[in-house]
Amino acid sequence: MMSMLVAMFTVHLRYGFSAINTIGLTKDGPVFGPPGYEVSLLYIAGLLVLVLGVPGPLSVDRWLARRKETWERSGGSPHAT
C-alpha cells in the first residue's frame, strides 16, 4: 500500500484524476496517455477492504464453517477420507 501512495504522489498526481487520457488518434484507434491518480486510489481502497473487511453472511469462510458444523452434527468427520 505504501508503494501505491508513493506512486500516486510522485508519478500519477501530475496527470490528474482521470482514468482515460486520450492523447491522440491514429488509424489503429485512440492513443491513451498514462493513468491519473485515481487508479492508485482504487488499488488502495481495494487493499483496505481486503485488510479491514470481516467475513459476512455470504463469505466463503462462513459457508465452510456452516458446512463443517452440518457435517459434524450428522456424525461425519470433515477430515475423513
PDB file of N, CA and C in Angstrom:
ATOM      1  N   MET A   1       0.828  -1.181   0.000  1.00  0.00           N
ATOM      2  CA  MET A   1       0.000   0.000   0.000  1.00  0.00           C
ATOM      3  C   MET A   1       0.879   1.255   0.000  1.00  0.00           C
ATOM      4  N   MET A   2       1.997   1.169   0.673  1.00  0.00           N
ATOM      5  CA  MET A   2       2.894   2.328   0.696  1.00  0.00           C
ATOM      6  C   MET A   2       3.441   2.620  -0.700  1.00  0.00           C
ATOM      7  N   SER A   3       3.714   1.574  -1.468  1.00  0.00           N
ATOM      8  CA  SER A   3       4.221   1.812  -2.821  1.00  0.00           C
ATOM      9  C   SER A   3       3.168   2.501  -3.689  1.00  0.00           C
ATOM     10  N   MET A   4       1.905   2.191  -3.456  1.00  0.00           N
ATOM     11  CA  MET A   4       0.846   2.862  -4.225  1.00  0.00           C
ATOM     12  C   MET A   4       0.750   4.330  -3.835  1.00  0.00           C
ATOM     13  N   LEU A   5       0.920   4.648  -2.561  1.00  0.00           N
ATOM     14  CA  LEU A   5       0.915   6.052  -2.136  1.00  0.00           C
ATOM     15  C   LEU A   5       2.088   6.807  -2.738  1.00  0.00           C
ATOM     16  N   VAL A   6       3.256   6.194  -2.728  1.00  0.00           N
ATOM     17  CA  VAL A   6       4.438   6.839  -3.323  1.00  0.00           C
ATOM     18  C   VAL A   6       4.223   7.048  -4.814  1.00  0.00           C
ATOM     19  N   ALA A   7       3.717   6.031  -5.499  1.00  0.00           N
ATOM     20  CA  ALA A   7       3.462   6.168  -6.939  1.00  0.00           C
ATOM     21  C   ALA A   7       2.430   7.252  -7.211  1.00  0.00           C
ATOM     22  N   MET A   8       1.422   7.329  -6.367  1.00  0.00           N
ATOM     23  CA  MET A   8       0.373   8.326  -6.581  1.00  0.00           C
ATOM     24  C   MET A   8       0.936   9.742  -6.468  1.00  0.00           C
ATOM     25  N   PHE A   9       1.751   9.983  -5.444  1.00  0.00           N
ATOM     26  CA  PHE A   9       2.249  11.343  -5.229  1.00  0.00           C
ATOM     27  C   PHE A   9       3.445  11.696  -6.105  1.00  0.00           C
ATOM     28  N   THR A  10       4.222  10.717  -6.543  1.00  0.00           N
ATOM     29  CA  THR A  10       5.418  11.047  -7.328  1.00  0.00           C
ATOM     30  C   THR A  10       5.203  10.934  -8.833  1.00  0.00           C
ATOM     31  N   VAL A  11       4.290  10.068  -9.266  1.00  0.00           N
ATOM     32  CA  VAL A  11       4.131   9.835 -10.702  1.00  0.00           C
ATOM     33  C   VAL A  11       2.753  10.262 -11.203  1.00  0.00           C
ATOM     34  N   HIS A  12       1.709   9.737 -10.612  1.00  0.00           N
ATOM     35  CA  HIS A  12       0.367   9.884 -11.171  1.00  0.00           C
ATOM     36  C   HIS A  12      -0.308  11.216 -10.866  1.00  0.00           C
ATOM     37  N   LEU A  13       0.109  11.915  -9.839  1.00  0.00           N
ATOM     38  CA  LEU A  13      -0.562  13.148  -9.431  1.00  0.00           C
ATOM     39  C   LEU A  13      -0.554  14.209 -10.534  1.00  0.00           C
ATOM     40  N   ARG A  14       0.508  14.273 -11.297  1.00  0.00           N
ATOM     41  CA  ARG A  14       0.602  15.299 -12.352  1.00  0.00           C
ATOM     42  C   ARG A  14      -0.369  15.064 -13.511  1.00  0.00           C
ATOM     43  N   TYR A  15      -0.891  13.835 -13.642  1.00  0.00           N
ATOM     44  CA  TYR A  15      -1.824  13.536 -14.730  1.00  0.00           C
ATOM     45  C   TYR A  15      -3.276  13.754 -14.346  1.00  0.00           C
ATOM     46  N   GLY A  16      -3.527  14.112 -13.093  1.00  0.00           N
ATOM     47  CA  GLY A  16      -4.882  14.443 -12.657  1.00  0.00           C
ATOM     48  C   GLY A  16      -5.708  13.222 -12.309  1.00  0.00           C
ATOM     49  N   PHE A  17      -7.008  13.490 -12.115  1.00  0.00           N
ATOM     50  CA  PHE A  17      -7.952  12.441 -11.703  1.00  0.00           C
ATOM     51  C   PHE A  17      -8.755  12.014 -12.921  1.00  0.00           C
ATOM     52  N   SER A  18      -8.133  11.242 -13.785  1.00  0.00           N
ATOM     53  CA  SER A  18      -8.803  10.803 -14.994  1.00  0.00           C
ATOM     54  C   SER A  18      -8.328   9.413 -15.354  1.00  0.00           C
ATOM     55  N   ALA A  19      -9.281   8.509 -15.563  1.00  0.00           N
ATOM     56  CA  ALA A  19      -8.929   7.129 -15.900  1.00  0.00           C
ATOM     57  C   ALA A  19      -8.477   7.013 -17.347  1.00  0.00           C
ATOM     58  N   ILE A  20      -9.029   7.835 -18.218  1.00  0.00           N
ATOM     59  CA  ILE A  20      -8.726   7.714 -19.641  1.00  0.00           C
ATOM     60  C   ILE A  20      -8.279   9.078 -20.165  1.00  0.00           C
ATOM     61  N   ASN A  21      -7.012   9.185 -20.477  1.00  0.00           N
ATOM     62  CA  ASN A  21      -6.469  10.399 -21.085  1.00  0.00           C
ATOM     63  C   ASN A  21      -6.146  10.091 -22.538  1.00  0.00           C
ATOM     64  N   THR A  22      -6.981  10.549 -23.440  1.00  0.00           N
ATOM     65  CA  THR A  22      -6.733  10.344 -24.855  1.00  0.00           C
ATOM     66  C   THR A  22      -5.770  11.418 -25.325  1.00  0.00           C
ATOM     67  N   ILE A  23      -4.612  11.002 -25.851  1.00  0.00           N
ATOM     68  CA  ILE A  23      -3.628  11.991 -26.293  1.00  0.00           C
ATOM     69  C   ILE A  23      -3.519  12.062 -27.802  1.00  0.00           C
ATOM     70  N   GLY A  24      -4.205  11.194 -28.494  1.00  0.00           N
ATOM     71  CA  GLY A  24      -4.147  11.234 -29.945  1.00  0.00           C
ATOM     72  C   GLY A  24      -5.034  10.183 -30.572  1.00  0.00           C
ATOM     73  N   LEU A  25      -5.145  10.283 -31.893  1.00  0.00           N
ATOM     74  CA  LEU A  25      -5.956   9.327 -32.642  1.00  0.00           C
ATOM     75  C   LEU A  25      -5.177   8.921 -33.886  1.00  0.00           C
ATOM     76  N   THR A  26      -4.989   7.622 -34.039  1.00  0.00           N
ATOM     77  CA  THR A  26      -4.282   7.101 -35.202  1.00  0.00           C
ATOM     78  C   THR A  26      -5.240   6.259 -36.028  1.00  0.00           C
ATOM     79  N   LYS A  27      -4.744   5.735 -37.143  1.00  0.00           N
ATOM     80  CA  LYS A  27      -5.600   4.886 -37.973  1.00  0.00           C
ATOM     81  C   LYS A  27      -5.984   3.601 -37.250  1.00  0.00           C
ATOM     82  N   ASP A  28      -5.178   3.191 -36.253  1.00  0.00           N
ATOM     83  CA  ASP A  28      -5.465   1.983 -35.469  1.00  0.00           C
ATOM     84  C   ASP A  28      -6.392   2.246 -34.297  1.00  0.00           C
ATOM     85  N   GLY A  29      -6.635   3.489 -33.985  1.00  0.00           N
ATOM     86  CA  GLY A  29      -7.524   3.820 -32.872  1.00  0.00           C
ATOM     87  C   GLY A  29      -6.909   4.871 -31.973  1.00  0.00           C
ATOM     88  N   PRO A  30      -7.538   5.114 -30.826  1.00  0.00           N
ATOM     89  CA  PRO A  30      -7.049   6.155 -29.926  1.00  0.00           C
ATOM     90  C   PRO A  30      -5.751   5.745 -29.233  1.00  0.00           C
ATOM     91  N   VAL A  31      -4.955   6.745 -28.889  1.00  0.00           N
ATOM     92  CA  VAL A  31      -3.716   6.551 -28.132  1.00  0.00           C
ATOM     93  C   VAL A  31      -3.969   7.126 -26.743  1.00  0.00           C
ATOM     94  N   PHE A  32      -3.771   6.293 -25.736  1.00  0.00           N
ATOM     95  CA  PHE A  32      -4.053   6.709 -24.372  1.00  0.00           C
ATOM     96  C   PHE A  32      -2.774   7.095 -23.656  1.00  0.00           C
ATOM     97  N   GLY A  33      -2.877   8.107 -22.825  1.00  0.00           N
ATOM     98  CA  GLY A  33      -1.757   8.555 -22.016  1.00  0.00           C
ATOM     99  C   GLY A  33      -1.699   7.782 -20.716  1.00  0.00           C
ATOM    100  N   PRO A  34      -0.780   8.162 -19.842  1.00  0.00           N
ATOM    101  CA  PRO A  34      -0.656   7.465 -18.559  1.00  0.00           C
ATOM    102  C   PRO A  34      -1.880   7.728 -17.681  1.00  0.00           C
ATOM    103  N   PRO A  35      -2.199   6.784 -16.807  1.00  0.00           N
ATOM    104  CA  PRO A  35      -3.374   6.959 -15.943  1.00  0.00           C
ATOM    105  C   PRO A  35      -3.121   8.008 -14.874  1.00  0.00           C
ATOM    106  N   GLY A  36      -4.192   8.580 -14.398  1.00  0.00           N
ATOM    107  CA  GLY A  36      -4.111   9.543 -13.302  1.00  0.00           C
ATOM    108  C   GLY A  36      -4.041   8.836 -11.961  1.00  0.00           C
ATOM    109  N   TYR A  37      -4.186   9.623 -10.893  1.00  0.00           N
ATOM    110  CA  TYR A  37      -4.017   9.054  -9.566  1.00  0.00           C
ATOM    111  C   TYR A  37      -5.228   8.272  -9.082  1.00  0.00           C
ATOM    112  N   GLU A  38      -6.328   8.268  -9.835  1.00  0.00           N
ATOM    113  CA  GLU A  38      -7.500   7.503  -9.394  1.00  0.00           C
ATOM    114  C   GLU A  38      -7.252   6.004  -9.431  1.00  0.00           C
ATOM    115  N   VAL A  39      -6.348   5.542 -10.272  1.00  0.00           N
ATOM    116  CA  VAL A  39      -6.016   4.110 -10.312  1.00  0.00           C
ATOM    117  C   VAL A  39      -5.340   3.709  -8.997  1.00  0.00           C
ATOM    118  N   SER A  40      -4.436   4.539  -8.518  1.00  0.00           N
ATOM    119  CA  SER A  40      -3.792   4.265  -7.231  1.00  0.00           C
ATOM    120  C   SER A  40      -4.811   4.288  -6.104  1.00  0.00           C
ATOM    121  N   LEU A  41      -5.727   5.241  -6.139  1.00  0.00           N
ATOM    122  CA  LEU A  41      -6.769   5.300  -5.105  1.00  0.00           C
ATOM    123  C   LEU A  41      -7.659   4.064  -5.144  1.00  0.00           C
ATOM    124  N   LEU A  42      -7.945   3.587  -6.331  1.00  0.00           N
ATOM    125  CA  LEU A  42      -8.757   2.377  -6.465  1.00  0.00           C
ATOM    126  C   LEU A  42      -8.041   1.175  -5.859  1.00  0.00           C
ATOM    127  N   TYR A  43      -6.758   1.021  -6.142  1.00  0.00           N
ATOM    128  CA  TYR A  43      -5.990  -0.096  -5.584  1.00  0.00           C
ATOM    129  C   TYR A  43      -5.891   0.008  -4.063  1.00  0.00           C
ATOM    130  N   ILE A  44      -5.667   1.220  -3.554  1.00  0.00           N
ATOM    131  CA  ILE A  44      -5.578   1.414  -2.106  1.00  0.00           C
ATOM    132  C   ILE A  44      -6.911   1.076  -1.446  1.00  0.00           C
ATOM    133  N   ALA A  45      -8.010   1.514  -2.043  1.00  0.00           N
ATOM    134  CA  ALA A  45      -9.331   1.210  -1.482  1.00  0.00           C
ATOM    135  C   ALA A  45      -9.585  -0.297  -1.487  1.00  0.00           C
ATOM    136  N   GLY A  46      -9.217  -0.973  -2.562  1.00  0.00           N
ATOM    137  CA  GLY A  46      -9.387  -2.424  -2.617  1.00  0.00           C
ATOM    138  C   GLY A  46      -8.558  -3.141  -1.566  1.00  0.00           C
ATOM    139  N   LEU A  47      -7.327  -2.700  -1.368  1.00  0.00           N
ATOM    140  CA  LEU A  47      -6.486  -3.308  -0.340  1.00  0.00           C
ATOM    141  C   LEU A  47      -7.046  -3.076   1.054  1.00  0.00           C
ATOM    142  N   LEU A  48      -7.560  -1.878   1.304  1.00  0.00           N
ATOM    143  CA  LEU A  48      -8.155  -1.596   2.615  1.00  0.00           C
ATOM    144  C   LEU A  48      -9.382  -2.464   2.870  1.00  0.00           C
ATOM    145  N   VAL A  49     -10.179  -2.674   1.850  1.00  0.00           N
ATOM    146  CA  VAL A  49     -11.347  -3.542   2.007  1.00  0.00           C
ATOM    147  C   VAL A  49     -10.913  -4.961   2.336  1.00  0.00           C
ATOM    148  N   LEU A  50      -9.892  -5.449   1.662  1.00  0.00           N
ATOM    149  CA  LEU A  50      -9.410  -6.802   1.935  1.00  0.00           C
ATOM    150  C   LEU A  50      -8.806  -6.932   3.329  1.00  0.00           C
ATOM    151  N   VAL A  51      -8.096  -5.905   3.769  1.00  0.00           N
ATOM    152  CA  VAL A  51      -7.432  -5.967   5.069  1.00  0.00           C
ATOM    153  C   VAL A  51      -8.413  -5.755   6.218  1.00  0.00           C
ATOM    154  N   LEU A  52      -9.295  -4.777   6.084  1.00  0.00           N
ATOM    155  CA  LEU A  52     -10.178  -4.412   7.183  1.00  0.00           C
ATOM    156  C   LEU A  52     -11.531  -5.108   7.149  1.00  0.00           C
ATOM    157  N   GLY A  53     -11.866  -5.702   6.025  1.00  0.00           N
ATOM    158  CA  GLY A  53     -13.169  -6.340   5.904  1.00  0.00           C
ATOM    159  C   GLY A  53     -13.276  -7.597   6.750  1.00  0.00           C
ATOM    160  N   VAL A  54     -14.444  -7.812   7.281  1.00  0.00           N
ATOM    161  CA  VAL A  54     -14.696  -9.028   8.057  1.00  0.00           C
ATOM    162  C   VAL A  54     -15.609  -9.931   7.248  1.00  0.00           C
ATOM    163  N   PRO A  55     -15.529 -11.233   7.467  1.00  0.00           N
ATOM    164  CA  PRO A  55     -16.389 -12.149   6.723  1.00  0.00           C
ATOM    165  C   PRO A  55     -17.861 -11.886   7.015  1.00  0.00           C
ATOM    166  N   GLY A  56     -18.645 -11.777   5.988  1.00  0.00           N
ATOM    167  CA  GLY A  56     -20.074 -11.554   6.128  1.00  0.00           C
ATOM    168  C   GLY A  56     -20.855 -12.842   5.983  1.00  0.00           C
ATOM    169  N   PRO A  57     -22.167 -12.756   5.953  1.00  0.00           N
ATOM    170  CA  PRO A  57     -23.001 -13.958   5.875  1.00  0.00           C
ATOM    171  C   PRO A  57     -22.860 -14.705   4.549  1.00  0.00           C
ATOM    172  N   LEU A  58     -22.382 -14.042   3.506  1.00  0.00           N
ATOM    173  CA  LEU A  58     -22.234 -14.693   2.217  1.00  0.00           C
ATOM    174  C   LEU A  58     -20.782 -15.046   1.895  1.00  0.00           C
ATOM    175  N   SER A  59     -19.898 -14.958   2.883  1.00  0.00           N
ATOM    176  CA  SER A  59     -18.483 -15.223   2.627  1.00  0.00           C
ATOM    177  C   SER A  59     -18.207 -16.715   2.531  1.00  0.00           C
ATOM    178  N   VAL A  60     -17.101 -17.046   1.900  1.00  0.00           N
ATOM    179  CA  VAL A  60     -16.685 -18.438   1.769  1.00  0.00           C
ATOM    180  C   VAL A  60     -16.345 -19.005   3.149  1.00  0.00           C
ATOM    181  N   ASP A  61     -15.723 -18.197   4.006  1.00  0.00           N
ATOM    182  CA  ASP A  61     -15.392 -18.657   5.356  1.00  0.00           C
ATOM    183  C   ASP A  61     -16.638 -19.073   6.130  1.00  0.00           C
ATOM    184  N   ARG A  62     -17.663 -18.270   6.056  1.00  0.00           N
ATOM    185  CA  ARG A  62     -18.912 -18.586   6.762  1.00  0.00           C
ATOM    186  C   ARG A  62     -19.545 -19.844   6.175  1.00  0.00           C
ATOM    187  N   TRP A  63     -19.518 -19.977   4.851  1.00  0.00           N
ATOM    188  CA  TRP A  63     -20.095 -21.157   4.198  1.00  0.00           C
ATOM    189  C   TRP A  63     -19.354 -22.423   4.613  1.00  0.00           C
ATOM    190  N   LEU A  64     -18.015 -22.354   4.656  1.00  0.00           N
ATOM    191  CA  LEU A  64     -17.237 -23.516   5.067  1.00  0.00           C
ATOM    192  C   LEU A  64     -17.498 -23.877   6.531  1.00  0.00           C
ATOM    193  N   ALA A  65     -17.646 -22.872   7.385  1.00  0.00           N
ATOM    194  CA  ALA A  65     -17.927 -23.143   8.800  1.00  0.00           C
ATOM    195  C   ALA A  65     -19.287 -23.819   8.958  1.00  0.00           C
ATOM    196  N   ARG A  66     -20.304 -23.338   8.245  1.00  0.00           N
ATOM    197  CA  ARG A  66     -21.629 -23.971   8.320  1.00  0.00           C
ATOM    198  C   ARG A  66     -21.585 -25.388   7.779  1.00  0.00           C
ATOM    199  N   ARG A  67     -20.848 -25.592   6.718  1.00  0.00           N
ATOM    200  CA  ARG A  67     -20.736 -26.931   6.130  1.00  0.00           C
ATOM    201  C   ARG A  67     -20.067 -27.887   7.111  1.00  0.00           C
ATOM    202  N   LYS A  68     -19.019 -27.411   7.786  1.00  0.00           N
ATOM    203  CA  LYS A  68     -18.320 -28.240   8.766  1.00  0.00           C
ATOM    204  C   LYS A  68     -19.242 -28.580   9.936  1.00  0.00           C
ATOM    205  N   GLU A  69     -19.997 -27.586  10.429  1.00  0.00           N
ATOM    206  CA  GLU A  69     -20.929 -27.835  11.532  1.00  0.00           C
ATOM    207  C   GLU A  69     -21.986 -28.858  11.138  1.00  0.00           C
ATOM    208  N   THR A  70     -22.529 -28.735   9.951  1.00  0.00           N
ATOM    209  CA  THR A  70     -23.546 -29.680   9.483  1.00  0.00           C
ATOM    210  C   THR A  70     -22.959 -31.075   9.372  1.00  0.00           C
ATOM    211  N   TRP A  71     -21.757 -31.183   8.857  1.00  0.00           N
ATOM    212  CA  TRP A  71     -21.104 -32.479   8.692  1.00  0.00           C
ATOM    213  C   TRP A  71     -20.853 -33.133  10.056  1.00  0.00           C
ATOM    214  N   GLU A  72     -20.385 -32.339  11.014  1.00  0.00           N
ATOM    215  CA  GLU A  72     -20.081 -32.884  12.346  1.00  0.00           C
ATOM    216  C   GLU A  72     -21.369 -33.298  13.074  1.00  0.00           C
ATOM    217  N   ARG A  73     -22.454 -32.546  12.905  1.00  0.00           N
ATOM    218  CA  ARG A  73     -23.733 -32.911  13.536  1.00  0.00           C
ATOM    219  C   ARG A  73     -24.302 -34.192  12.963  1.00  0.00           C
ATOM    220  N   SER A  74     -23.991 -34.457  11.703  1.00  0.00           N
ATOM    221  CA  SER A  74     -24.521 -35.671  11.075  1.00  0.00           C
ATOM    222  C   SER A  74     -23.675 -36.901  11.407  1.00  0.00           C
ATOM    223  N   GLY A  75     -22.625 -36.735  12.203  1.00  0.00           N
ATOM    224  CA  GLY A  75     -21.821 -37.868  12.630  1.00  0.00           C
ATOM    225  C   GLY A  75     -20.584 -38.094  11.801  1.00  0.00           C
ATOM    226  N   GLY A  76     -20.368 -37.318  10.793  1.00  0.00           N
ATOM    227  CA  GLY A  76     -19.200 -37.471   9.941  1.00  0.00           C
ATOM    228  C   GLY A  76     -18.023 -36.671  10.457  1.00  0.00           C
ATOM    229  N   SER A  77     -16.953 -36.789   9.797  1.00  0.00           N
ATOM    230  CA  SER A  77     -15.762 -36.023  10.111  1.00  0.00           C
ATOM    231  C   SER A  77     -15.281 -35.363   8.840  1.00  0.00           C
ATOM    232  N   PRO A  78     -15.080 -34.074   8.840  1.00  0.00           N
ATOM    233  CA  PRO A  78     -14.657 -33.403   7.607  1.00  0.00           C
ATOM    234  C   PRO A  78     -13.264 -33.796   7.164  1.00  0.00           C
ATOM    235  N   HIS A  79     -12.491 -34.424   8.050  1.00  0.00           N
ATOM    236  CA  HIS A  79     -11.116 -34.800   7.690  1.00  0.00           C
ATOM    237  C   HIS A  79     -10.991 -36.262   7.302  1.00  0.00           C
ATOM    238  N   ALA A  80     -12.092 -36.977   7.290  1.00  0.00           N
ATOM    239  CA  ALA A  80     -12.031 -38.394   6.914  1.00  0.00           C
ATOM    240  C   ALA A  80     -11.878 -38.535   5.416  1.00  0.00           C
ATOM    241  N   THR A  81     -11.200 -39.588   4.995  1.00  0.00           N
ATOM    242  CA  THR A  81     -11.002 -39.813   3.561  1.00  0.00           C
ATOM    243  C   THR A  81     -11.875 -40.935   3.074  1.00  0.00           C
TER     244      THR A  81
END
